[in-house]
Protein backbone atom coordinates (compact mmCIF):
# COMPACT_ATOMS: atom_id res chain seq x y z
CA MET A 1 41.10 184.19 83.03
CA SER A 2 38.59 181.59 82.35
CA LEU A 3 35.08 182.89 83.52
CA ASN A 4 32.45 180.26 84.05
CA LYS A 5 29.33 179.62 86.35
CA ARG A 6 31.34 177.69 88.83
CA SER A 7 34.23 180.15 89.27
CA GLN A 8 31.69 182.76 90.03
CA GLY A 9 30.20 181.06 93.15
CA GLY A 10 29.78 177.61 95.09
CA GLU A 11 32.80 175.31 94.79
CA GLN A 12 35.25 178.14 94.15
CA SER A 13 38.47 176.35 95.61
CA ARG A 14 38.26 173.18 93.76
CA GLN A 15 39.17 173.43 90.12
CA ARG A 16 37.20 171.04 87.67
CA VAL A 17 38.87 169.37 84.78
CA GLY A 18 36.81 167.39 82.13
CA VAL A 19 38.42 164.57 80.02
CA ILE A 20 36.91 163.28 76.72
CA CYS A 21 38.33 159.56 77.22
CA ASN A 22 37.13 156.40 78.52
CA GLU A 23 37.47 156.22 82.48
CA GLU A 24 39.19 153.17 82.29
CA HIS A 25 41.78 154.23 79.74
CA ASP A 26 45.46 152.69 80.77
CA VAL A 27 46.91 156.05 80.88
CA PHE A 28 44.65 158.87 81.26
CA SER A 29 42.68 156.88 84.06
CA VAL A 30 46.06 157.33 86.24
CA VAL A 31 46.57 161.15 85.33
CA GLY A 32 43.04 161.49 86.59
CA ASP A 33 43.60 159.92 89.77
CA GLU A 34 47.03 162.00 90.20
CA LEU A 35 45.01 165.13 89.40
CA ARG A 36 42.18 164.10 92.16
CA ASN A 37 45.17 163.61 94.47
CA ARG A 38 45.93 167.31 94.05
CA GLY A 39 42.69 168.38 94.93
CA ILE A 40 41.15 168.69 91.49
CA ARG A 41 37.65 167.18 90.55
CA VAL A 42 38.01 165.05 87.39
CA ASP A 43 35.00 163.95 85.32
CA PHE A 44 35.41 161.78 82.40
CA PHE A 45 33.09 162.23 79.21
CA GLU A 46 32.24 159.35 76.79
CA PRO A 47 33.96 160.07 73.41
CA GLY A 48 31.42 160.27 70.59
CA THR A 49 28.57 162.06 72.77
CA ALA A 50 27.67 165.81 72.90
CA LEU A 51 28.54 168.03 75.71
CA SER A 52 25.72 170.63 76.72
CA GLU A 53 26.83 174.27 77.20
CA GLU A 54 25.88 173.71 80.65
CA THR A 55 28.39 171.06 81.39
CA ILE A 56 31.03 173.00 79.57
CA SER A 57 30.62 175.99 81.33
CA ASN A 58 31.08 174.26 84.80
CA LEU A 59 34.44 173.20 83.73
CA ASP A 60 37.96 174.98 84.31
CA LEU A 61 39.70 172.99 81.73
CA LEU A 62 38.59 170.60 78.94
CA MET A 63 40.89 167.76 77.83
CA ASN A 64 40.40 165.57 74.80
CA LYS A 65 41.76 162.12 73.95
CA LYS A 66 39.43 161.23 70.83
CA VAL A 67 39.37 162.69 67.34
CA ASP A 68 35.80 163.03 66.95
CA PRO A 69 33.43 165.68 65.54
CA HIS A 70 31.88 165.96 68.91
CA SER A 71 35.24 166.62 70.68
CA PHE A 72 35.97 169.26 68.12
CA ARG A 73 32.50 171.10 68.84
CA ALA A 74 32.87 170.84 72.57
CA LEU A 75 36.46 172.31 72.53
CA GLU A 76 35.51 174.89 70.28
CA ARG A 77 32.41 175.89 72.52
CA ALA A 78 34.78 175.81 75.50
CA GLU A 79 37.14 178.19 73.88
CA SER A 80 34.74 180.58 72.88
CA ALA A 81 33.41 180.73 76.41
CA GLY A 82 37.00 181.38 77.55
CA ILE A 83 37.52 178.05 79.12
CA ALA A 84 40.79 176.72 79.05
CA THR A 85 41.54 173.55 76.64
CA TRP A 86 44.20 170.79 76.80
CA ASN A 87 44.78 170.14 72.96
CA GLY A 88 42.04 172.14 71.83
CA TYR A 89 40.01 172.27 68.67
CA ARG A 90 42.89 173.61 66.57
CA THR A 91 45.17 170.84 67.40
CA VAL A 92 42.31 168.31 66.38
CA LEU A 93 42.50 169.82 63.10
CA LEU A 94 45.89 168.25 62.74
CA GLY A 95 43.51 165.00 62.54
CA ALA A 96 42.56 166.25 58.91
CA ARG A 97 45.50 164.52 57.61
CA LEU A 98 46.25 166.51 54.45
CA VAL A 99 46.32 169.43 57.09
CA GLY A 100 48.66 167.62 59.35
CA TYR A 101 50.83 166.78 56.48
CA ARG A 102 51.15 170.52 55.63
CA VAL A 103 52.20 171.22 58.99
CA LEU A 104 54.84 168.57 59.22
CA GLU A 105 56.54 169.69 56.18
CA ARG A 106 56.37 173.31 57.41
CA VAL A 107 58.71 172.27 60.00
CA GLY A 108 60.87 170.16 57.66
CA CYS A 109 59.71 166.67 57.90
CA ARG A 110 59.63 164.33 55.02
CA VAL A 111 56.15 163.18 54.18
CA PRO A 112 55.49 160.45 51.47
CA PRO A 113 53.74 161.78 48.23
CA VAL A 114 49.97 161.87 48.22
CA SER A 115 47.70 161.39 45.25
CA PHE A 116 43.99 160.80 44.90
CA GLU A 117 44.67 157.92 42.32
CA LYS A 118 46.29 154.54 43.21
CA PRO A 119 49.78 154.55 42.38
CA SER A 120 51.26 151.94 40.34
CA GLY A 121 53.35 150.25 43.15
CA ASP A 122 52.59 149.57 46.81
CA TYR A 123 50.82 152.26 48.68
CA VAL A 124 48.75 152.85 51.78
CA ALA A 125 45.22 154.10 51.69
CA LYS A 126 44.07 156.44 54.05
CA THR A 127 40.83 158.27 55.04
CA SER A 128 40.80 161.96 54.85
CA PHE A 129 40.12 162.47 58.61
CA ASP A 130 41.35 160.60 61.34
CA TRP A 131 38.08 160.23 63.35
CA HIS A 132 38.64 157.34 65.66
CA PHE A 133 35.81 155.72 64.50
CA HIS A 134 37.27 155.54 60.74
CA PRO A 135 39.05 152.44 59.55
CA ASP A 136 43.12 152.28 60.07
CA PRO A 137 45.30 152.95 57.20
CA GLU A 138 45.31 149.98 54.95
CA PHE A 139 48.15 148.35 52.71
CA ASN A 140 47.13 148.25 49.19
CA GLY A 141 43.41 148.99 50.09
CA GLU A 142 40.71 151.67 49.53
CA GLY A 143 40.71 155.10 50.76
CA ASP A 144 40.05 158.77 50.27
CA PHE A 145 43.53 159.30 49.11
CA TYR A 146 46.75 157.34 48.74
CA GLN A 147 50.24 157.76 49.85
CA GLU A 148 53.45 155.57 48.28
CA LEU A 149 54.63 153.00 50.48
CA VAL A 150 58.18 154.04 51.69
CA PRO A 151 60.57 150.76 51.52
CA ALA A 152 61.25 150.46 55.26
CA ASP A 153 61.16 147.98 58.20
CA PRO A 154 57.76 147.48 59.42
CA ILE A 155 58.59 149.64 62.54
CA ASP A 156 56.99 152.77 63.52
CA HIS A 157 59.08 155.22 65.72
CA LYS A 158 56.24 156.73 67.51
CA TYR A 159 57.28 160.17 68.92
CA TYR A 160 55.42 161.54 71.76
CA ALA A 161 55.64 165.29 72.86
CA VAL A 162 54.25 166.82 76.16
CA ASP A 163 54.64 170.45 77.21
CA THR A 164 55.08 170.37 81.01
CA GLY A 165 54.92 174.29 80.96
CA ASP A 166 58.82 174.08 81.52
CA GLU A 167 59.71 172.33 78.72
CA ILE A 168 58.54 169.86 76.00
CA VAL A 169 59.58 166.51 76.48
CA VAL A 170 60.08 163.90 73.88
CA ARG A 171 59.94 160.13 74.07
CA VAL A 172 60.21 157.64 71.29
CA LEU A 173 58.54 154.24 71.35
CA ARG A 174 59.31 151.54 68.82
CA ALA A 175 56.08 149.34 67.71
CA LYS A 176 55.53 146.87 64.94
CA SER A 177 53.53 148.70 62.34
CA LYS A 178 49.71 147.74 62.08
CA LEU A 179 49.83 147.79 58.48
CA ARG A 180 51.60 144.30 58.38
CA GLY A 181 49.44 142.83 61.39
CA LYS A 182 48.99 143.40 65.00
CA LYS A 183 50.42 146.42 66.46
CA GLU A 184 53.15 145.40 69.30
CA TYR A 185 55.10 147.63 71.20
CA ILE A 186 58.83 147.08 71.32
CA ASP A 187 60.93 149.34 73.51
CA LEU A 188 61.44 152.85 74.31
CA ILE A 189 64.60 154.65 72.57
CA ASP A 190 66.57 157.92 72.48
CA PRO A 191 64.90 160.65 70.11
CA GLU A 192 67.06 161.61 67.08
CA PRO A 193 67.65 165.32 67.90
CA VAL A 194 66.64 166.62 64.64
CA LEU A 195 63.21 164.81 64.63
CA ALA A 196 62.67 165.65 68.26
CA GLU A 197 63.12 169.43 67.37
CA GLN A 198 60.58 169.35 64.28
CA ILE A 199 57.91 167.92 66.56
CA ARG A 200 58.46 170.82 69.25
CA ASP A 201 58.14 173.17 66.30
CA VAL A 202 54.98 171.67 65.69
CA MET A 203 53.88 171.91 69.17
CA LYS A 204 54.95 175.61 69.12
CA LEU A 205 53.20 176.31 65.68
CA THR A 206 49.85 174.72 66.77
CA GLY A 207 49.67 175.71 70.51
CA SER A 208 49.40 171.90 71.40
CA GLN A 209 50.00 170.56 74.75
CA ALA A 210 50.78 167.22 73.42
CA ILE A 211 51.08 165.51 69.85
CA GLY A 212 52.26 162.30 68.46
CA VAL A 213 54.02 161.86 65.14
CA ASP A 214 54.88 158.39 63.45
CA PHE A 215 58.26 158.10 61.49
CA ILE A 216 59.41 155.27 59.55
CA GLU A 217 63.08 154.69 58.85
CA SER A 218 64.23 153.98 55.24
CA ASP A 219 67.60 153.50 53.92
CA ASP A 220 67.86 157.23 53.23
CA GLY A 221 66.34 158.55 56.28
CA TYR A 222 63.19 159.30 58.39
CA TRP A 223 59.76 160.04 56.85
CA ALA A 224 56.85 161.07 58.79
CA VAL A 225 53.66 159.07 58.12
CA ASP A 226 51.21 160.36 60.65
CA VAL A 227 50.67 163.20 63.04
CA ASN A 228 48.16 162.30 66.14
CA PRO A 229 46.51 165.02 68.09
CA ALA A 230 44.99 162.71 70.62
CA MET A 231 47.55 159.77 71.41
CA SER A 232 47.18 157.02 73.85
CA PHE A 233 50.58 157.34 75.53
CA ARG A 234 50.44 153.70 76.22
CA GLU A 235 54.11 152.31 77.28
CA ALA A 236 55.46 155.74 76.86
CA GLU A 237 55.83 156.21 80.67
CA MET A 238 54.83 159.80 80.52
CA GLU A 239 52.03 159.82 83.03
CA ASP A 240 54.00 162.34 85.22
CA GLN A 241 54.53 164.82 82.29
CA LEU A 242 50.77 164.67 81.20
CA VAL A 243 49.88 165.64 84.87
CA GLU A 244 52.44 168.59 84.62
CA SER A 245 51.03 169.59 81.63
CA VAL A 246 47.30 169.72 82.91
CA LEU A 247 48.61 171.69 85.81
CA ALA A 248 50.46 174.20 83.73
CA VAL A 249 47.45 175.02 81.75
CA LEU A 250 45.19 175.33 84.72
CA SER A 251 47.78 177.76 86.62
CA ARG A 252 47.82 179.99 83.25
CA ASP A 253 45.37 182.61 81.95
CA THR A 254 43.23 181.39 78.78
CA ASP A 255 44.12 184.44 76.72
CA ASP A 256 46.86 182.77 74.88
CA SER A 257 47.80 183.20 71.36
CA THR A 258 47.44 179.94 69.63
CA GLU A 259 45.04 181.42 67.21
CA THR A 260 47.61 183.84 65.79
CA ALA A 261 50.08 180.66 65.71
CA ILE A 262 47.94 178.24 64.06
CA ARG A 263 46.83 180.75 61.46
CA SER A 264 50.45 181.32 60.70
CA VAL A 265 50.39 177.84 59.50
CA LEU A 266 47.32 176.94 58.29
CA THR A 267 46.75 180.09 55.84
CA GLU A 268 44.79 179.47 52.56
CA ARG A 269 48.33 179.46 50.81
CA GLU A 270 49.89 176.97 52.82
CA LEU A 271 46.55 174.84 52.40
CA GLY A 272 46.76 175.23 48.83
CA THR A 273 43.39 176.90 48.53
CA GLY A 274 44.78 180.29 47.97
CA ASP A 275 45.97 181.98 44.72
């Protein structure tokens, strides 16, 4: 079980959750309020700032909503100290885009080809890491690597998945792609069963509590163009599922086997660094 200073004395009956996220966030502020209504203390931490070992040690659970180097280090320290995490540092590794694409391919998703030279045709330029302070992918721009542009309507099918402890719930939000202008949410639609199952497989392989995957639809089917380990969940109407997910993590021991699971995916051979 999670062993920290607070659980050994003092405010023993009240669990404490830390959230690396802006406190005014449209979705996670609602989640925080509902957790408080359940008798849980919730503290929000400014993204992009370091958390001390003392701060981390006083938590029962550390949640993350930003793909950031400081978040990665805080989550790693929490897990090393036996403190539960919600979307821990192994999930944040999906923000290393080439790692994320390998995982997506592993579960059967089609991913546009990647090159380190600009293709002859239209392409999407991306940074290697999806840190929140890095620029968004750019149409025919400059980046660390390039993906061929798949001919498709400029509509993202944003798949959101949350593990409530009893099931992995999947919702799909259609939105106008930021590649061709301002992102604009359109509507919620039913998930494609095959894609929903692939998302669930990613969750199980990586030990994640929640992830998002953006698909686009071309004439020959769906392509996965990004995986997001720190989604906003705006307009997804999943606040209740997020609360259930946090409560499920708080109620279980933290000696889970996510390290074994992620290593089965991110081996040297899978990452292309082995023989």
